[in-house]
């Protein structure tokens, strides 16, 4: 129930951080960028390209690597267990 859609580079035929990867993922899910969320563990490969595509990004920083590093337009969580409450707050 936590994930509505997953998408792989193999399915897309292109890899992240290529913008086409994110466009194809949205198309496959039938989703709008403004109503979608990308969760990733890399700024350069997940968060920054998602934000550039107009998608809300959440950085999964399990090992606290980004303390003191700016994360533009993204939330940071240390565990996926933090994510569902964020969704509830966003839907209020």
PDB file of N, CA and C in Angstrom:
ATOM      1  N   UNK A   1       0.806  -1.205   0.000  1.00  0.00           N
ATOM      2  CA  UNK A   1       0.000   0.000   0.000  1.00  0.00           C
ATOM      3  C   UNK A   1       0.847   1.267   0.000  1.00  0.00           C
ATOM      4  N   UNK A   2       2.114   1.155   0.367  1.00  0.00           N
ATOM      5  CA  UNK A   2       2.958   2.343   0.463  1.00  0.00           C
ATOM      6  C   UNK A   2       3.317   2.889  -0.912  1.00  0.00           C
ATOM      7  N   UNK A   3       3.590   2.005  -1.863  1.00  0.00           N
ATOM      8  CA  UNK A   3       3.988   2.441  -3.197  1.00  0.00           C
ATOM      9  C   UNK A   3       2.862   2.181  -4.182  1.00  0.00           C
ATOM     10  N   UNK A   4       2.502   3.199  -4.924  1.00  0.00           N
ATOM     11  CA  UNK A   4       1.472   3.026  -5.942  1.00  0.00           C
ATOM     12  C   UNK A   4       2.073   2.496  -7.231  1.00  0.00           C
ATOM     13  N   UNK A   5       3.280   2.974  -7.568  1.00  0.00           N
ATOM     14  CA  UNK A   5       3.941   2.545  -8.795  1.00  0.00           C
ATOM     15  C   UNK A   5       5.445   2.501  -8.569  1.00  0.00           C
ATOM     16  N   UNK A   6       6.079   1.562  -9.212  1.00  0.00           N
ATOM     17  CA  UNK A   6       7.540   1.542  -9.282  1.00  0.00           C
ATOM     18  C   UNK A   6       7.910   1.507 -10.756  1.00  0.00           C
ATOM     19  N   UNK A   7       9.121   1.938 -11.058  1.00  0.00           N
ATOM     20  CA  UNK A   7       9.542   2.049 -12.448  1.00  0.00           C
ATOM     21  C   UNK A   7      11.043   1.856 -12.488  1.00  0.00           C
ATOM     22  N   UNK A   8      11.523   1.071 -13.443  1.00  0.00           N
ATOM     23  CA  UNK A   8      12.956   0.788 -13.526  1.00  0.00           C
ATOM     24  C   UNK A   8      13.562   1.335 -14.816  1.00  0.00           C
ATOM     25  N   UNK A   9      14.873   1.485 -14.800  1.00  0.00           N
ATOM     26  CA  UNK A   9      15.596   1.937 -15.993  1.00  0.00           C
ATOM     27  C   UNK A   9      15.422   0.937 -17.131  1.00  0.00           C
ATOM     28  N   UNK A  10      15.338  -0.340 -16.807  1.00  0.00           N
ATOM     29  CA  UNK A  10      15.151  -1.357 -17.836  1.00  0.00           C
ATOM     30  C   UNK A  10      13.829  -1.139 -18.563  1.00  0.00           C
ATOM     31  N   UNK A  11      12.781  -0.803 -17.809  1.00  0.00           N
ATOM     32  CA  UNK A  11      11.481  -0.537 -18.421  1.00  0.00           C
ATOM     33  C   UNK A  11      11.512   0.726 -19.282  1.00  0.00           C
ATOM     34  N   UNK A  12      12.243   1.726 -18.824  1.00  0.00           N
ATOM     35  CA  UNK A  12      12.276   3.020 -19.508  1.00  0.00           C
ATOM     36  C   UNK A  12      13.174   3.014 -20.732  1.00  0.00           C
ATOM     37  N   UNK A  13      14.210   2.211 -20.696  1.00  0.00           N
ATOM     38  CA  UNK A  13      15.191   2.251 -21.766  1.00  0.00           C
ATOM     39  C   UNK A  13      16.183   3.390 -21.612  1.00  0.00           C
ATOM     40  N   UNK A  14      16.041   4.162 -20.545  1.00  0.00           N
ATOM     41  CA  UNK A  14      16.983   5.224 -20.180  1.00  0.00           C
ATOM     42  C   UNK A  14      17.152   5.179 -18.668  1.00  0.00           C
ATOM     43  N   UNK A  15      18.271   5.692 -18.203  1.00  0.00           N
ATOM     44  CA  UNK A  15      18.557   5.662 -16.770  1.00  0.00           C
ATOM     45  C   UNK A  15      18.370   7.031 -16.143  1.00  0.00           C
ATOM     46  N   UNK A  16      18.138   7.027 -14.832  1.00  0.00           N
ATOM     47  CA  UNK A  16      18.195   8.279 -14.089  1.00  0.00           C
ATOM     48  C   UNK A  16      19.633   8.763 -14.154  1.00  0.00           C
ATOM     49  N   UNK A  17      19.882   9.989 -14.199  1.00  0.00           N
ATOM     50  CA  UNK A  17      19.001  11.138 -14.001  1.00  0.00           C
ATOM     51  C   UNK A  17      18.415  11.713 -15.286  1.00  0.00           C
ATOM     52  N   UNK A  18      18.413  10.967 -16.371  1.00  0.00           N
ATOM     53  CA  UNK A  18      17.879  11.481 -17.635  1.00  0.00           C
ATOM     54  C   UNK A  18      16.422  11.922 -17.447  1.00  0.00           C
ATOM     55  N   UNK A  19      16.067  13.122 -17.905  1.00  0.00           N
ATOM     56  CA  UNK A  19      14.693  13.619 -17.736  1.00  0.00           C
ATOM     57  C   UNK A  19      13.637  12.687 -18.330  1.00  0.00           C
ATOM     58  N   UNK A  20      13.982  11.983 -19.391  1.00  0.00           N
ATOM     59  CA  UNK A  20      13.008  11.083 -20.028  1.00  0.00           C
ATOM     60  C   UNK A  20      12.582   9.962 -19.082  1.00  0.00           C
ATOM     61  N   UNK A  21      13.466   9.541 -18.202  1.00  0.00           N
ATOM     62  CA  UNK A  21      13.110   8.503 -17.228  1.00  0.00           C
ATOM     63  C   UNK A  21      11.902   8.941 -16.408  1.00  0.00           C
ATOM     64  N   UNK A  22      11.946  10.173 -15.913  1.00  0.00           N
ATOM     65  CA  UNK A  22      10.869  10.679 -15.063  1.00  0.00           C
ATOM     66  C   UNK A  22       9.597  10.920 -15.872  1.00  0.00           C
ATOM     67  N   UNK A  23       9.724  11.390 -17.102  1.00  0.00           N
ATOM     68  CA  UNK A  23       8.559  11.588 -17.971  1.00  0.00           C
ATOM     69  C   UNK A  23       7.858  10.262 -18.245  1.00  0.00           C
ATOM     70  N   UNK A  24       8.630   9.239 -18.560  1.00  0.00           N
ATOM     71  CA  UNK A  24       8.047   7.922 -18.835  1.00  0.00           C
ATOM     72  C   UNK A  24       7.390   7.326 -17.596  1.00  0.00           C
ATOM     73  N   UNK A  25       8.002   7.513 -16.450  1.00  0.00           N
ATOM     74  CA  UNK A  25       7.414   7.000 -15.207  1.00  0.00           C
ATOM     75  C   UNK A  25       6.057   7.649 -14.950  1.00  0.00           C
ATOM     76  N   UNK A  26       5.971   8.954 -15.148  1.00  0.00           N
ATOM     77  CA  UNK A  26       4.696   9.652 -14.969  1.00  0.00           C
ATOM     78  C   UNK A  26       3.657   9.153 -15.971  1.00  0.00           C
ATOM     79  N   UNK A  27       4.063   9.002 -17.220  1.00  0.00           N
ATOM     80  CA  UNK A  27       3.143   8.514 -18.250  1.00  0.00           C
ATOM     81  C   UNK A  27       2.628   7.124 -17.912  1.00  0.00           C
ATOM     82  N   UNK A  28       3.526   6.247 -17.510  1.00  0.00           N
ATOM     83  CA  UNK A  28       3.128   4.869 -17.199  1.00  0.00           C
ATOM     84  C   UNK A  28       2.149   4.825 -16.030  1.00  0.00           C
ATOM     85  N   UNK A  29       2.369   5.696 -15.055  1.00  0.00           N
ATOM     86  CA  UNK A  29       1.494   5.733 -13.884  1.00  0.00           C
ATOM     87  C   UNK A  29       0.210   6.519 -14.150  1.00  0.00           C
ATOM     88  N   UNK A  30       0.171   7.227 -15.270  1.00  0.00           N
ATOM     89  CA  UNK A  30      -0.986   8.076 -15.536  1.00  0.00           C
ATOM     90  C   UNK A  30      -1.079   9.194 -14.517  1.00  0.00           C
ATOM     91  N   UNK A  31       0.080   9.710 -14.127  1.00  0.00           N
ATOM     92  CA  UNK A  31       0.148  10.679 -13.032  1.00  0.00           C
ATOM     93  C   UNK A  31       0.644  12.034 -13.516  1.00  0.00           C
ATOM     94  N   UNK A  32       0.281  13.050 -12.761  1.00  0.00           N
ATOM     95  CA  UNK A  32       0.779  14.396 -12.999  1.00  0.00           C
ATOM     96  C   UNK A  32       1.992  14.624 -12.108  1.00  0.00           C
ATOM     97  N   UNK A  33       2.970  15.344 -12.628  1.00  0.00           N
ATOM     98  CA  UNK A  33       4.172  15.637 -11.840  1.00  0.00           C
ATOM     99  C   UNK A  33       3.818  16.330 -10.532  1.00  0.00           C
ATOM    100  N   UNK A  34       2.877  17.249 -10.578  1.00  0.00           N
ATOM    101  CA  UNK A  34       2.529  18.031  -9.386  1.00  0.00           C
ATOM    102  C   UNK A  34       1.833  17.208  -8.308  1.00  0.00           C
ATOM    103  N   UNK A  35       1.373  16.006  -8.652  1.00  0.00           N
ATOM    104  CA  UNK A  35       0.698  15.146  -7.673  1.00  0.00           C
ATOM    105  C   UNK A  35       1.491  13.870  -7.401  1.00  0.00           C
ATOM    106  N   UNK A  36       2.780  13.902  -7.727  1.00  0.00           N
ATOM    107  CA  UNK A  36       3.626  12.716  -7.587  1.00  0.00           C
ATOM    108  C   UNK A  36       4.782  12.985  -6.636  1.00  0.00           C
ATOM    109  N   UNK A  37       5.349  11.907  -6.123  1.00  0.00           N
ATOM    110  CA  UNK A  37       6.483  11.995  -5.204  1.00  0.00           C
ATOM    111  C   UNK A  37       7.517  10.957  -5.620  1.00  0.00           C
ATOM    112  N   UNK A  38       8.769  11.383  -5.662  1.00  0.00           N
ATOM    113  CA  UNK A  38       9.890  10.472  -5.893  1.00  0.00           C
ATOM    114  C   UNK A  38      10.647  10.342  -4.584  1.00  0.00           C
ATOM    115  N   UNK A  39      10.916   9.109  -4.176  1.00  0.00           N
ATOM    116  CA  UNK A  39      11.746   8.849  -3.004  1.00  0.00           C
ATOM    117  C   UNK A  39      13.043   8.252  -3.520  1.00  0.00           C
ATOM    118  N   UNK A  40      14.157   8.853  -3.146  1.00  0.00           N
ATOM    119  CA  UNK A  40      15.432   8.336  -3.608  1.00  0.00           C
ATOM    120  C   UNK A  40      16.524   8.575  -2.596  1.00  0.00           C
ATOM    121  N   UNK A  41      17.618   7.849  -2.749  1.00  0.00           N
ATOM    122  CA  UNK A  41      18.709   7.964  -1.776  1.00  0.00           C
ATOM    123  C   UNK A  41      19.911   8.727  -2.318  1.00  0.00           C
ATOM    124  N   UNK A  42      19.747   9.349  -3.492  1.00  0.00           N
ATOM    125  CA  UNK A  42      20.850  10.137  -4.050  1.00  0.00           C
ATOM    126  C   UNK A  42      20.339  11.497  -4.504  1.00  0.00           C
ATOM    127  N   UNK A  43      21.078  12.537  -4.132  1.00  0.00           N
ATOM    128  CA  UNK A  43      20.712  13.883  -4.571  1.00  0.00           C
ATOM    129  C   UNK A  43      20.835  14.016  -6.081  1.00  0.00           C
ATOM    130  N   UNK A  44      21.969  13.577  -6.620  1.00  0.00           N
ATOM    131  CA  UNK A  44      22.252  13.788  -8.043  1.00  0.00           C
ATOM    132  C   UNK A  44      21.427  12.910  -8.966  1.00  0.00           C
ATOM    133  N   UNK A  45      21.045  11.752  -8.522  1.00  0.00           N
ATOM    134  CA  UNK A  45      20.389  10.778  -9.381  1.00  0.00           C
ATOM    135  C   UNK A  45      18.881  10.707  -9.176  1.00  0.00           C
ATOM    136  N   UNK A  46      18.408  11.136  -8.018  1.00  0.00           N
ATOM    137  CA  UNK A  46      16.997  11.007  -7.672  1.00  0.00           C
ATOM    138  C   UNK A  46      16.334  12.357  -7.405  1.00  0.00           C
ATOM    139  N   UNK A  47      16.842  13.068  -6.402  1.00  0.00           N
ATOM    140  CA  UNK A  47      16.182  14.278  -5.920  1.00  0.00           C
ATOM    141  C   UNK A  47      16.260  15.423  -6.926  1.00  0.00           C
ATOM    142  N   UNK A  48      17.456  15.792  -7.339  1.00  0.00           N
ATOM    143  CA  UNK A  48      17.606  16.950  -8.228  1.00  0.00           C
ATOM    144  C   UNK A  48      16.867  16.772  -9.555  1.00  0.00           C
ATOM    145  N   UNK A  49      16.979  15.617 -10.232  1.00  0.00           N
ATOM    146  CA  UNK A  49      16.229  15.486 -11.490  1.00  0.00           C
ATOM    147  C   UNK A  49      14.717  15.420 -11.288  1.00  0.00           C
ATOM    148  N   UNK A  50      14.264  14.856 -10.176  1.00  0.00           N
ATOM    149  CA  UNK A  50      12.823  14.837  -9.904  1.00  0.00           C
ATOM    150  C   UNK A  50      12.300  16.256  -9.719  1.00  0.00           C
ATOM    151  N   UNK A  51      13.004  17.048  -8.922  1.00  0.00           N
ATOM    152  CA  UNK A  51      12.609  18.441  -8.699  1.00  0.00           C
ATOM    153  C   UNK A  51      12.617  19.202 -10.024  1.00  0.00           C
ATOM    154  N   UNK A  52      13.624  18.964 -10.850  1.00  0.00           N
ATOM    155  CA  UNK A  52      13.698  19.627 -12.156  1.00  0.00           C
ATOM    156  C   UNK A  52      12.511  19.255 -13.041  1.00  0.00           C
ATOM    157  N   UNK A  53      11.956  18.055 -12.846  1.00  0.00           N
ATOM    158  CA  UNK A  53      10.799  17.601 -13.616  1.00  0.00           C
ATOM    159  C   UNK A  53       9.483  18.055 -12.997  1.00  0.00           C
ATOM    160  N   UNK A  54       9.552  18.806 -11.897  1.00  0.00           N
ATOM    161  CA  UNK A  54       8.342  19.297 -11.252  1.00  0.00           C
ATOM    162  C   UNK A  54       7.712  18.323 -10.285  1.00  0.00           C
ATOM    163  N   UNK A  55       8.464  17.307  -9.883  1.00  0.00           N
ATOM    164  CA  UNK A  55       7.971  16.270  -8.977  1.00  0.00           C
ATOM    165  C   UNK A  55       8.500  16.548  -7.572  1.00  0.00           C
ATOM    166  N   UNK A  56       7.650  16.379  -6.573  1.00  0.00           N
ATOM    167  CA  UNK A  56       8.097  16.496  -5.193  1.00  0.00           C
ATOM    168  C   UNK A  56       9.090  15.377  -4.907  1.00  0.00           C
ATOM    169  N   UNK A  57      10.184  15.718  -4.240  1.00  0.00           N
ATOM    170  CA  UNK A  57      11.223  14.725  -3.962  1.00  0.00           C
ATOM    171  C   UNK A  57      11.424  14.565  -2.463  1.00  0.00           C
ATOM    172  N   UNK A  58      11.683  13.339  -2.075  1.00  0.00           N
ATOM    173  CA  UNK A  58      12.025  13.008  -0.695  1.00  0.00           C
ATOM    174  C   UNK A  58      13.346  12.254  -0.735  1.00  0.00           C
ATOM    175  N   UNK A  59      14.320  12.766  -0.011  1.00  0.00           N
ATOM    176  CA  UNK A  59      15.623  12.110   0.069  1.00  0.00           C
ATOM    177  C   UNK A  59      15.607  11.117   1.215  1.00  0.00           C
ATOM    178  N   UNK A  60      15.885   9.863   0.919  1.00  0.00           N
ATOM    179  CA  UNK A  60      16.016   8.819   1.930  1.00  0.00           C
ATOM    180  C   UNK A  60      17.483   8.775   2.334  1.00  0.00           C
ATOM    181  N   UNK A  61      17.779   9.346   3.475  1.00  0.00           N
ATOM    182  CA  UNK A  61      19.164   9.489   3.953  1.00  0.00           C
ATOM    183  C   UNK A  61      19.366   8.592   5.169  1.00  0.00           C
ATOM    184  N   UNK A  62      19.434   7.298   4.931  1.00  0.00           N
ATOM    185  CA  UNK A  62      19.538   6.316   6.019  1.00  0.00           C
ATOM    186  C   UNK A  62      20.785   6.489   6.879  1.00  0.00           C
ATOM    187  N   UNK A  63      21.847   6.973   6.282  1.00  0.00           N
ATOM    188  CA  UNK A  63      23.124   7.026   6.987  1.00  0.00           C
ATOM    189  C   UNK A  63      23.552   8.445   7.326  1.00  0.00           C
ATOM    190  N   UNK A  64      22.593   9.371   7.279  1.00  0.00           N
ATOM    191  CA  UNK A  64      22.820  10.770   7.654  1.00  0.00           C
ATOM    192  C   UNK A  64      24.011  11.368   6.920  1.00  0.00           C
ATOM    193  N   UNK A  65      24.052  11.165   5.616  1.00  0.00           N
ATOM    194  CA  UNK A  65      25.147  11.681   4.796  1.00  0.00           C
ATOM    195  C   UNK A  65      24.972  13.145   4.418  1.00  0.00           C
ATOM    196  N   UNK A  66      23.757  13.663   4.474  1.00  0.00           N
ATOM    197  CA  UNK A  66      23.528  15.010   3.954  1.00  0.00           C
ATOM    198  C   UNK A  66      23.421  16.089   5.017  1.00  0.00           C
ATOM    199  N   UNK A  67      23.746  15.793   6.255  1.00  0.00           N
ATOM    200  CA  UNK A  67      23.712  16.835   7.277  1.00  0.00           C
ATOM    201  C   UNK A  67      24.576  17.999   6.829  1.00  0.00           C
ATOM    202  N   UNK A  68      23.997  19.181   6.811  1.00  0.00           N
ATOM    203  CA  UNK A  68      24.737  20.367   6.414  1.00  0.00           C
ATOM    204  C   UNK A  68      24.783  20.598   4.918  1.00  0.00           C
ATOM    205  N   UNK A  69      24.289  19.646   4.135  1.00  0.00           N
ATOM    206  CA  UNK A  69      24.250  19.805   2.684  1.00  0.00           C
ATOM    207  C   UNK A  69      22.849  20.279   2.313  1.00  0.00           C
ATOM    208  N   UNK A  70      22.740  21.376   1.568  1.00  0.00           N
ATOM    209  CA  UNK A  70      21.400  21.846   1.212  1.00  0.00           C
ATOM    210  C   UNK A  70      20.675  20.854   0.307  1.00  0.00           C
ATOM    211  N   UNK A  71      19.428  20.636   0.598  1.00  0.00           N
ATOM    212  CA  UNK A  71      18.591  19.759  -0.207  1.00  0.00           C
ATOM    213  C   UNK A  71      17.459  20.627  -0.750  1.00  0.00           C
ATOM    214  N   UNK A  72      17.663  21.225  -1.926  1.00  0.00           N
ATOM    215  CA  UNK A  72      16.663  22.155  -2.435  1.00  0.00           C
ATOM    216  C   UNK A  72      15.337  21.478  -2.760  1.00  0.00           C
ATOM    217  N   UNK A  73      14.262  22.068  -2.269  1.00  0.00           N
ATOM    218  CA  UNK A  73      12.904  21.630  -2.599  1.00  0.00           C
ATOM    219  C   UNK A  73      12.652  20.161  -2.294  1.00  0.00           C
ATOM    220  N   UNK A  74      13.291  19.636  -1.272  1.00  0.00           N
ATOM    221  CA  UNK A  74      13.086  18.226  -0.934  1.00  0.00           C
ATOM    222  C   UNK A  74      12.981  18.065   0.574  1.00  0.00           C
ATOM    223  N   UNK A  75      12.229  17.067   0.973  1.00  0.00           N
ATOM    224  CA  UNK A  75      12.187  16.663   2.366  1.00  0.00           C
ATOM    225  C   UNK A  75      13.234  15.579   2.557  1.00  0.00           C
ATOM    226  N   UNK A  76      13.683  15.418   3.778  1.00  0.00           N
ATOM    227  CA  UNK A  76      14.663  14.381   4.091  1.00  0.00           C
ATOM    228  C   UNK A  76      14.070  13.472   5.152  1.00  0.00           C
ATOM    229  N   UNK A  77      14.132  12.167   4.918  1.00  0.00           N
ATOM    230  CA  UNK A  77      13.729  11.183   5.912  1.00  0.00           C
ATOM    231  C   UNK A  77      14.898  10.239   6.141  1.00  0.00           C
ATOM    232  N   UNK A  78      14.960   9.668   7.320  1.00  0.00           N
ATOM    233  CA  UNK A  78      16.029   8.720   7.657  1.00  0.00           C
ATOM    234  C   UNK A  78      15.583   7.275   7.448  1.00  0.00           C
ATOM    235  N   UNK A  79      14.275   7.067   7.336  1.00  0.00           N
ATOM    236  CA  UNK A  79      13.723   5.725   7.189  1.00  0.00           C
ATOM    237  C   UNK A  79      12.412   5.815   6.416  1.00  0.00           C
ATOM    238  N   UNK A  80      12.071   4.778   5.695  1.00  0.00           N
ATOM    239  CA  UNK A  80      10.789   4.771   4.989  1.00  0.00           C
ATOM    240  C   UNK A  80       9.608   4.792   5.944  1.00  0.00           C
ATOM    241  N   UNK A  81       9.822   4.420   7.200  1.00  0.00           N
ATOM    242  CA  UNK A  81       8.717   4.477   8.159  1.00  0.00           C
ATOM    243  C   UNK A  81       8.286   5.914   8.440  1.00  0.00           C
ATOM    244  N   UNK A  82       9.138   6.881   8.144  1.00  0.00           N
ATOM    245  CA  UNK A  82       8.773   8.289   8.319  1.00  0.00           C
ATOM    246  C   UNK A  82       7.879   8.787   7.191  1.00  0.00           C
ATOM    247  N   UNK A  83       7.833   8.072   6.114  1.00  0.00           N
ATOM    248  CA  UNK A  83       7.155   8.560   4.929  1.00  0.00           C
ATOM    249  C   UNK A  83       5.626   8.567   5.023  1.00  0.00           C
ATOM    250  N   UNK A  84       4.958   7.500   5.477  1.00  0.00           N
ATOM    251  CA  UNK A  84       3.487   7.536   5.522  1.00  0.00           C
ATOM    252  C   UNK A  84       2.909   8.718   6.305  1.00  0.00           C
ATOM    253  N   UNK A  85       3.461   9.086   7.467  1.00  0.00           N
ATOM    254  CA  UNK A  85       2.912  10.269   8.148  1.00  0.00           C
ATOM    255  C   UNK A  85       3.051  11.546   7.318  1.00  0.00           C
ATOM    256  N   UNK A  86       4.098  11.641   6.508  1.00  0.00           N
ATOM    257  CA  UNK A  86       4.260  12.802   5.632  1.00  0.00           C
ATOM    258  C   UNK A  86       3.123  12.859   4.618  1.00  0.00           C
ATOM    259  N   UNK A  87       2.720  11.709   4.111  1.00  0.00           N
ATOM    260  CA  UNK A  87       1.625  11.667   3.146  1.00  0.00           C
ATOM    261  C   UNK A  87       0.319  12.098   3.788  1.00  0.00           C
ATOM    262  N   UNK A  88       0.098  11.669   5.028  1.00  0.00           N
ATOM    263  CA  UNK A  88      -1.118  12.056   5.733  1.00  0.00           C
ATOM    264  C   UNK A  88      -1.167  13.561   5.942  1.00  0.00           C
ATOM    265  N   UNK A  89      -0.039  14.164   6.313  1.00  0.00           N
ATOM    266  CA  UNK A  89       0.009  15.610   6.496  1.00  0.00           C
ATOM    267  C   UNK A  89      -0.250  16.332   5.178  1.00  0.00           C
ATOM    268  N   UNK A  90       0.291  15.805   4.097  1.00  0.00           N
ATOM    269  CA  UNK A  90       0.133  16.441   2.789  1.00  0.00           C
ATOM    270  C   UNK A  90      -1.302  16.374   2.294  1.00  0.00           C
ATOM    271  N   UNK A  91      -2.036  15.349   2.692  1.00  0.00           N
ATOM    272  CA  UNK A  91      -3.404  15.199   2.200  1.00  0.00           C
ATOM    273  C   UNK A  91      -4.420  15.962   3.032  1.00  0.00           C
ATOM    274  N   UNK A  92      -4.000  16.495   4.184  1.00  0.00           N
ATOM    275  CA  UNK A  92      -4.928  17.275   5.035  1.00  0.00           C
ATOM    276  C   UNK A  92      -5.295  18.589   4.392  1.00  0.00           C
TER     277      UNK A  92
END
